[in-house]
Amino acid sequence: MKELGPMGEQVLISVGIFLLFVGIAWLVRAVITRWITRLVSKTATALDDRIIALIRKPVFYIIIIYGLDYAIDRLSLHNRIMPVIHDALFVVGVALVAYVVHGVLNNLIGWYGERIEGKEASRTLVREFIPLTQRISSIFVFTIAVITVFKYFNYDVWSLITALGVGSLAIGLAAKETLTNIISGFSIMLDRPFRQGDRIKLANGDIGDVQEIGMRSTRIKTFDNTILVVPNTTLVNASLVNYCYPDFKVKARVRVGIAYGSDIDRAKEIMLAIAKEVPDILKDPPPSVYFTEFGDFSLNLLMIFWVGEYTRMLDAQDSVNTMIHERFAREGIEIPFPVQSVFLKK
């Protein structure tokens, strides 16, 4: 070693350090390939398998780059080539780290989208929002990487950040309504007040089935076979009724008035017997009939019953009303219509 001189010893030590890091990189790669890959293959989800497959090579090269940089730094050479090599290694290292972070985030977002789709969420929502979220995460990681490199080379990072902030503010003001609807779409995706296929009632009284949940708006098919396009902000900020939550059962009501002097108990018996004959009406909870009020022209009765599926509610009400009209006529129970008596004073 004495014959090599101090410089030769430093070179040998640096080469040894670099070879040591290469060995560590191969060891880490072997551990990931043989042990960790087999371990995660036994789990129920495929997310960990994707992440391990993604980071295996980048981790190998990151360790080698760090070892090379450390080995070169020990040589203490002061020529013009060494700073260039250090800078190049730093940029490559940042690019590899950004690649790993970007891949992990994209896999996490994609895995979450698969879980939503597996739970019968809106296919349109998954198709539009998941790629959008992945693009946003990519831009975020790329921006952080660029700022890190600029800061390393002593560039004015704050000027870049300020320019990006002003540009984002201008874009946000120009597309305020669109961005608000997109953010509301994210809220619908996370909170899930309704799903594709659900029947909902809006605050203005419109009722329809959710056909498509988009980035900016939601399309609802009404009973008139028309499509109602509602901005997502309206759906998030207003109250609505979801007939499909927590299940498909729905409560229906039938109101009928009978003439004064009619047998109320007999009218109740007939209405309950009719409810038991209609197939769409559930036996549990059982239907019930109430004498609600003394009207101007009639004694008003209210029958409440449950239908197993909300799409059959109108059919059940139609059957009940038709049978009530027939049975009351047969039993001599009058359903009065408004009568007004006018007395002329001479």
Protein backbone atom coordinates (compact mmCIF):
# COMPACT_ATOMS: atom_id res chain seq x y z
CA MET A 1 0.00 0.00 0.00
CA LYS A 2 2.96 2.32 0.64
CA GLU A 3 4.10 2.00 -2.97
CA LEU A 4 0.71 3.23 -4.18
CA GLY A 5 0.95 6.46 -2.25
CA PRO A 6 -1.85 8.38 -0.52
CA MET A 7 -3.76 8.94 -3.71
CA GLY A 8 -3.61 5.26 -4.66
CA GLU A 9 -4.87 4.27 -1.23
CA GLN A 10 -7.81 6.66 -1.55
CA VAL A 11 -8.65 5.21 -4.96
CA LEU A 12 -8.59 1.67 -3.63
CA ILE A 13 -10.73 2.61 -0.63
CA SER A 14 -13.24 4.38 -2.88
CA VAL A 15 -13.38 1.38 -5.24
CA GLY A 16 -13.92 -0.88 -2.23
CA ILE A 17 -16.70 1.35 -0.92
CA PHE A 18 -18.36 1.38 -4.31
CA LEU A 19 -18.13 -2.43 -4.60
CA LEU A 20 -19.56 -2.71 -1.08
CA PHE A 21 -22.58 -0.63 -2.08
CA VAL A 22 -22.98 -2.73 -5.24
CA GLY A 23 -23.02 -5.84 -3.05
CA ILE A 24 -25.59 -4.23 -0.73
CA ALA A 25 -27.72 -3.32 -3.76
CA TRP A 26 -27.61 -6.92 -5.05
CA LEU A 27 -28.41 -8.23 -1.58
CA VAL A 28 -31.41 -5.90 -1.18
CA ARG A 29 -32.63 -6.85 -4.64
CA ALA A 30 -32.30 -10.56 -3.86
CA VAL A 31 -34.19 -10.14 -0.58
CA ILE A 32 -36.98 -8.28 -2.35
CA THR A 33 -37.12 -10.82 -5.20
CA ARG A 34 -36.95 -14.05 -3.22
CA TRP A 35 -38.47 -13.30 0.18
CA ILE A 36 -40.62 -10.17 0.11
CA THR A 37 -42.17 -11.02 -3.28
CA ARG A 38 -43.14 -14.48 -2.06
CA LEU A 39 -44.49 -13.03 1.18
CA VAL A 40 -46.74 -10.43 -0.48
CA SER A 41 -47.95 -12.95 -3.08
CA LYS A 42 -49.86 -14.69 -0.26
CA THR A 43 -51.90 -11.59 0.60
CA ALA A 44 -55.45 -11.05 -0.68
CA THR A 45 -54.74 -7.80 -2.51
CA ALA A 46 -52.49 -7.33 -5.55
CA LEU A 47 -51.48 -3.79 -4.51
CA ASP A 48 -48.41 -4.85 -2.55
CA ASP A 49 -47.27 -7.11 -5.43
CA ARG A 50 -47.41 -4.13 -7.82
CA ILE A 51 -45.52 -1.85 -5.44
CA ILE A 52 -42.78 -4.42 -4.82
CA ALA A 53 -42.39 -5.04 -8.56
CA LEU A 54 -42.21 -1.28 -9.08
CA ILE A 55 -39.56 -0.42 -6.49
CA ARG A 56 -37.25 -3.43 -7.01
CA LYS A 57 -35.10 -1.98 -9.79
CA PRO A 58 -35.17 1.71 -8.72
CA VAL A 59 -34.04 0.81 -5.17
CA PHE A 60 -31.15 -1.18 -6.67
CA TYR A 61 -29.98 1.78 -8.77
CA ILE A 62 -30.52 4.32 -5.98
CA ILE A 63 -28.17 2.38 -3.68
CA ILE A 64 -25.54 2.13 -6.42
CA ILE A 65 -25.80 5.86 -7.22
CA TYR A 66 -25.45 6.77 -3.54
CA GLY A 67 -22.45 4.46 -3.21
CA LEU A 68 -20.82 5.91 -6.33
CA ASP A 69 -21.38 9.46 -5.12
CA TYR A 70 -19.97 8.65 -1.69
CA ALA A 71 -16.95 6.84 -3.17
CA ILE A 72 -16.15 9.75 -5.53
CA ASP A 73 -16.61 12.27 -2.72
CA ARG A 74 -13.87 10.51 -0.69
CA LEU A 75 -11.30 11.11 -3.43
CA SER A 76 -11.35 14.87 -2.69
CA LEU A 77 -10.53 15.75 -6.29
CA HIS A 78 -10.83 19.41 -7.20
CA ASN A 79 -11.04 19.35 -10.97
CA ARG A 80 -13.99 20.52 -13.03
CA ILE A 81 -15.28 17.05 -13.80
CA MET A 82 -16.13 16.04 -10.20
CA PRO A 83 -18.83 18.71 -9.57
CA VAL A 84 -20.45 17.78 -12.86
CA ILE A 85 -20.49 14.10 -11.85
CA HIS A 86 -21.96 14.98 -8.42
CA ASP A 87 -24.66 17.11 -10.01
CA ALA A 88 -25.52 14.45 -12.58
CA LEU A 89 -25.77 11.76 -9.89
CA PHE A 90 -28.01 14.00 -7.77
CA VAL A 91 -30.37 14.67 -10.69
CA VAL A 92 -30.54 10.97 -11.55
CA GLY A 93 -31.22 10.12 -7.91
CA VAL A 94 -34.05 12.66 -7.67
CA ALA A 95 -35.53 11.33 -10.92
CA LEU A 96 -35.48 7.76 -9.57
CA VAL A 97 -37.10 8.78 -6.28
CA ALA A 98 -39.75 10.76 -8.15
CA TYR A 99 -40.38 7.75 -10.38
CA VAL A 100 -40.90 5.50 -7.34
CA VAL A 101 -43.21 7.98 -5.55
CA HIS A 102 -45.18 8.58 -8.75
CA GLY A 103 -45.62 4.85 -9.32
CA VAL A 104 -46.66 4.15 -5.73
CA LEU A 105 -49.25 6.96 -5.76
CA ASN A 106 -50.69 5.84 -9.10
CA ASN A 107 -50.98 2.26 -7.87
CA LEU A 108 -52.70 3.39 -4.67
CA ILE A 109 -55.20 5.53 -6.59
CA GLY A 110 -55.83 2.74 -9.11
CA TRP A 111 -56.34 0.22 -6.30
CA TYR A 112 -58.86 2.54 -4.65
CA GLY A 113 -60.69 2.89 -7.97
CA GLU A 114 -60.86 -0.91 -8.29
CA ARG A 115 -62.35 -1.15 -4.81
CA ILE A 116 -65.03 1.44 -5.65
CA GLU A 117 -65.86 -0.34 -8.91
CA GLY A 118 -66.08 -3.63 -7.05
CA LYS A 119 -68.74 -2.12 -4.81
CA GLU A 120 -70.93 -1.24 -7.82
CA ALA A 121 -70.08 2.45 -7.80
CA SER A 122 -70.59 4.55 -10.88
CA ARG A 123 -68.41 3.29 -13.73
CA THR A 124 -68.29 6.79 -15.19
CA LEU A 125 -67.11 8.18 -11.88
CA VAL A 126 -64.27 5.64 -11.73
CA ARG A 127 -63.43 6.15 -15.41
CA GLU A 128 -63.17 9.93 -15.12
CA PHE A 129 -62.04 10.73 -11.60
CA ILE A 130 -59.35 8.08 -11.14
CA PRO A 131 -57.31 9.14 -14.23
CA LEU A 132 -57.79 12.79 -13.24
CA THR A 133 -56.48 12.10 -9.74
CA GLN A 134 -53.53 10.20 -11.18
CA ARG A 135 -52.66 13.11 -13.46
CA ILE A 136 -52.86 15.56 -10.55
CA SER A 137 -50.56 13.37 -8.45
CA SER A 138 -48.11 13.11 -11.38
CA ILE A 139 -48.01 16.90 -11.75
CA PHE A 140 -47.50 17.29 -8.00
CA VAL A 141 -44.57 14.81 -7.88
CA PHE A 142 -42.99 16.32 -11.00
CA THR A 143 -43.25 19.84 -9.55
CA ILE A 144 -41.65 18.79 -6.26
CA ALA A 145 -38.82 17.06 -8.13
CA VAL A 146 -38.15 20.13 -10.32
CA ILE A 147 -38.19 22.46 -7.30
CA THR A 148 -35.74 20.15 -5.47
CA VAL A 149 -33.33 20.17 -8.43
CA PHE A 150 -33.59 23.96 -8.83
CA LYS A 151 -32.93 24.47 -5.15
CA TYR A 152 -29.86 22.20 -5.36
CA PHE A 153 -28.43 24.35 -8.15
CA ASN A 154 -29.18 27.55 -6.12
CA TYR A 155 -31.86 28.85 -8.44
CA ASP A 156 -34.53 31.19 -7.09
CA VAL A 157 -37.18 28.61 -6.22
CA TRP A 158 -39.55 31.12 -4.64
CA SER A 159 -39.90 32.99 -7.92
CA LEU A 160 -40.96 29.76 -9.61
CA ILE A 161 -43.40 28.96 -6.82
CA THR A 162 -44.83 32.48 -6.97
CA ALA A 163 -45.26 32.25 -10.75
CA LEU A 164 -46.99 28.89 -10.41
CA GLY A 165 -49.23 30.30 -7.66
CA VAL A 166 -50.24 33.33 -9.71
CA GLY A 167 -50.91 31.16 -12.74
CA SER A 168 -52.99 28.72 -10.69
CA LEU A 169 -54.96 31.62 -9.20
CA ALA A 170 -55.73 33.04 -12.64
CA ILE A 171 -56.84 29.65 -13.93
CA GLY A 172 -58.93 29.08 -10.81
CA LEU A 173 -60.73 32.41 -11.17
CA ALA A 174 -61.38 31.83 -14.86
CA ALA A 175 -62.81 28.34 -14.29
CA LYS A 176 -64.34 28.86 -10.86
CA GLU A 177 -67.68 27.17 -11.57
CA THR A 178 -66.07 24.22 -13.35
CA LEU A 179 -63.57 23.63 -10.56
CA THR A 180 -66.34 23.90 -7.96
CA ASN A 181 -68.34 21.24 -9.77
CA ILE A 182 -65.27 18.99 -10.09
CA ILE A 183 -64.56 19.31 -6.36
CA SER A 184 -68.22 18.55 -5.66
CA GLY A 185 -67.85 15.48 -7.86
CA PHE A 186 -64.98 14.35 -5.63
CA SER A 187 -67.26 14.88 -2.61
CA ILE A 188 -69.93 12.68 -4.22
CA MET A 189 -67.29 10.03 -4.91
CA LEU A 190 -66.09 9.98 -1.30
CA ASP A 191 -69.40 10.49 0.53
CA ARG A 192 -71.50 8.47 -1.95
CA PRO A 193 -74.96 9.89 -1.12
CA PHE A 194 -76.22 8.04 -4.19
CA ARG A 195 -74.93 5.63 -6.80
CA GLN A 196 -75.61 4.92 -10.44
CA GLY A 197 -79.07 3.38 -10.75
CA ASP A 198 -80.44 4.90 -7.53
CA ARG A 199 -83.76 6.74 -7.61
CA ILE A 200 -83.50 10.15 -5.97
CA LYS A 201 -85.76 13.10 -5.31
CA LEU A 202 -84.25 16.57 -5.68
CA ALA A 203 -85.02 19.59 -3.53
CA ASN A 204 -87.25 21.05 -6.28
CA GLY A 205 -89.39 17.89 -6.37
CA ASP A 206 -87.91 16.26 -9.50
CA ILE A 207 -87.64 12.46 -9.24
CA GLY A 208 -85.54 10.21 -11.43
CA ASP A 209 -82.95 7.46 -11.70
CA VAL A 210 -79.25 8.36 -11.67
CA GLN A 211 -77.87 7.46 -15.10
CA GLU A 212 -74.36 8.86 -14.97
CA ILE A 213 -72.13 10.66 -12.45
CA GLY A 214 -69.67 12.83 -14.35
CA MET A 215 -66.86 15.22 -13.49
CA ARG A 216 -68.98 18.35 -13.82
CA SER A 217 -72.58 17.16 -13.64
CA THR A 218 -74.86 14.22 -12.91
CA ARG A 219 -77.44 12.94 -15.40
CA ILE A 220 -80.82 11.83 -14.05
CA LYS A 221 -83.47 10.05 -16.11
CA THR A 222 -86.94 11.28 -15.18
CA PHE A 223 -90.27 9.46 -15.46
CA ASP A 224 -90.91 11.38 -18.71
CA ASN A 225 -87.93 9.55 -20.28
CA THR A 226 -85.93 12.78 -20.41
CA ILE A 227 -82.43 13.40 -19.07
CA LEU A 228 -82.06 16.02 -16.35
CA VAL A 229 -78.50 17.39 -16.17
CA VAL A 230 -77.76 18.69 -12.67
CA PRO A 231 -74.45 20.39 -11.69
CA ASN A 232 -72.64 18.47 -8.97
CA THR A 233 -72.54 21.59 -6.77
CA THR A 234 -76.35 21.64 -6.67
CA LEU A 235 -76.48 18.03 -5.54
CA VAL A 236 -73.85 18.54 -2.84
CA ASN A 237 -75.34 21.73 -1.37
CA ALA A 238 -79.04 20.76 -1.49
CA SER A 239 -81.07 18.16 0.39
CA LEU A 240 -82.21 15.13 -1.58
CA VAL A 241 -84.04 11.87 -0.93
CA ASN A 242 -82.47 8.54 -1.92
CA TYR A 243 -85.18 5.89 -2.30
CA CYS A 244 -82.56 3.12 -2.52
CA TYR A 245 -80.88 3.81 0.82
CA PRO A 246 -80.63 1.96 3.16
CA ASP A 247 -82.62 -0.58 1.07
CA PHE A 248 -85.22 -0.74 -1.71
CA LYS A 249 -88.25 -0.76 0.62
CA VAL A 250 -90.51 2.28 0.42
CA LYS A 251 -93.52 3.44 2.41
CA ALA A 252 -96.65 4.25 0.40
CA ARG A 253 -99.83 6.06 1.44
CA VAL A 254 -103.40 5.95 0.14
CA ARG A 255 -105.92 8.56 1.28
CA VAL A 256 -109.67 8.11 0.83
CA GLY A 257 -112.74 9.89 2.17
CA ILE A 258 -116.05 8.24 3.00
CA ALA A 259 -119.44 9.91 3.46
CA TYR A 260 -120.63 11.01 6.87
CA GLY A 261 -122.72 8.25 8.44
CA SER A 262 -120.63 5.43 6.90
CA ASP A 263 -119.31 2.53 9.00
CA ILE A 264 -115.69 3.51 9.67
CA ASP A 265 -114.69 0.13 11.14
CA ARG A 266 -116.08 -1.71 8.12
CA ALA A 267 -114.23 0.62 5.77
CA LYS A 268 -110.99 -0.10 7.66
CA GLU A 269 -111.57 -3.86 7.42
CA ILE A 270 -112.10 -3.66 3.67
CA MET A 271 -108.95 -1.58 3.14
CA LEU A 272 -106.80 -3.95 5.23
CA ALA A 273 -108.22 -6.97 3.37
CA ILE A 274 -107.34 -5.30 0.05
CA ALA A 275 -103.77 -4.62 1.24
CA LYS A 276 -103.32 -8.33 2.00
CA GLU A 277 -104.41 -9.28 -1.52
CA VAL A 278 -101.95 -7.04 -3.39
CA PRO A 279 -98.72 -9.05 -4.03
CA ASP A 280 -96.41 -6.01 -3.98
CA ILE A 281 -97.40 -5.00 -0.44
CA LEU A 282 -95.23 -6.47 2.33
CA LYS A 283 -96.77 -8.41 5.17
CA ASP A 284 -94.05 -7.24 7.55
CA PRO A 285 -94.36 -4.51 8.61
CA PRO A 286 -98.13 -4.97 8.30
CA PRO A 287 -100.33 -2.33 6.61
CA SER A 288 -102.43 -0.08 8.83
CA VAL A 289 -105.42 2.24 8.39
CA TYR A 290 -106.10 5.39 10.41
CA PHE A 291 -109.11 7.69 10.72
CA THR A 292 -107.24 10.99 10.37
CA GLU A 293 -109.80 13.82 10.35
CA PHE A 294 -113.31 15.11 9.90
CA GLY A 295 -113.21 16.75 6.49
CA ASP A 296 -115.58 19.31 5.02
CA PHE A 297 -117.36 16.67 2.96
CA SER A 298 -116.00 13.33 4.19
CA LEU A 299 -114.47 11.25 6.94
CA ASN A 300 -110.85 10.93 5.85
CA LEU A 301 -108.95 7.63 6.15
CA LEU A 302 -105.24 7.03 5.60
CA MET A 303 -103.76 3.62 4.76
CA ILE A 304 -100.00 3.13 5.14
CA PHE A 305 -98.20 0.12 3.70
CA TRP A 306 -94.71 -0.92 2.62
CA VAL A 307 -93.67 -2.00 -0.86
CA GLY A 308 -90.65 -4.27 -1.30
CA GLU A 309 -89.18 -2.29 -4.19
CA TYR A 310 -89.60 1.41 -4.90
CA THR A 311 -90.19 0.79 -8.61
CA ARG A 312 -93.42 -1.06 -7.74
CA MET A 313 -94.92 1.66 -5.54
CA LEU A 314 -97.14 3.25 -8.21
CA ASP A 315 -98.39 -0.17 -9.33
CA ALA A 316 -99.28 -1.06 -5.74
CA GLN A 317 -101.11 2.25 -5.22
CA ASP A 318 -103.00 1.77 -8.49
CA SER A 319 -104.14 -1.71 -7.45
CA VAL A 320 -105.20 -0.53 -3.99
CA ASN A 321 -107.17 2.47 -5.32
CA THR A 322 -108.93 0.39 -7.96
CA MET A 323 -109.94 -2.31 -5.48
CA ILE A 324 -111.10 0.25 -2.88
CA HIS A 325 -113.38 1.86 -5.47
CA GLU A 326 -114.91 -1.50 -6.40
CA ARG A 327 -115.32 -2.86 -2.85
CA PHE A 328 -116.74 0.34 -1.42
CA ALA A 329 -119.31 0.48 -4.22
CA ARG A 330 -120.23 -3.17 -3.56
CA GLU A 331 -120.53 -2.59 0.21
CA GLY A 332 -122.55 0.60 -0.20
CA ILE A 333 -119.86 2.84 1.26
CA GLU A 334 -120.03 6.17 -0.51
CA ILE A 335 -116.97 8.14 -1.54
CA PRO A 336 -118.41 11.68 -1.63
CA PHE A 337 -117.44 14.50 -3.89
CA PRO A 338 -117.45 18.16 -2.79
CA VAL A 339 -120.98 19.56 -2.50
CA GLN A 340 -121.83 23.19 -1.87
CA SER A 341 -125.32 24.33 -0.88
CA VAL A 342 -126.38 27.87 -1.80
CA PHE A 343 -129.33 29.52 0.03
CA LEU A 344 -130.87 32.55 -1.62
CA LYS A 345 -132.36 35.04 0.78
CA LYS A 346 -135.53 36.74 -0.48
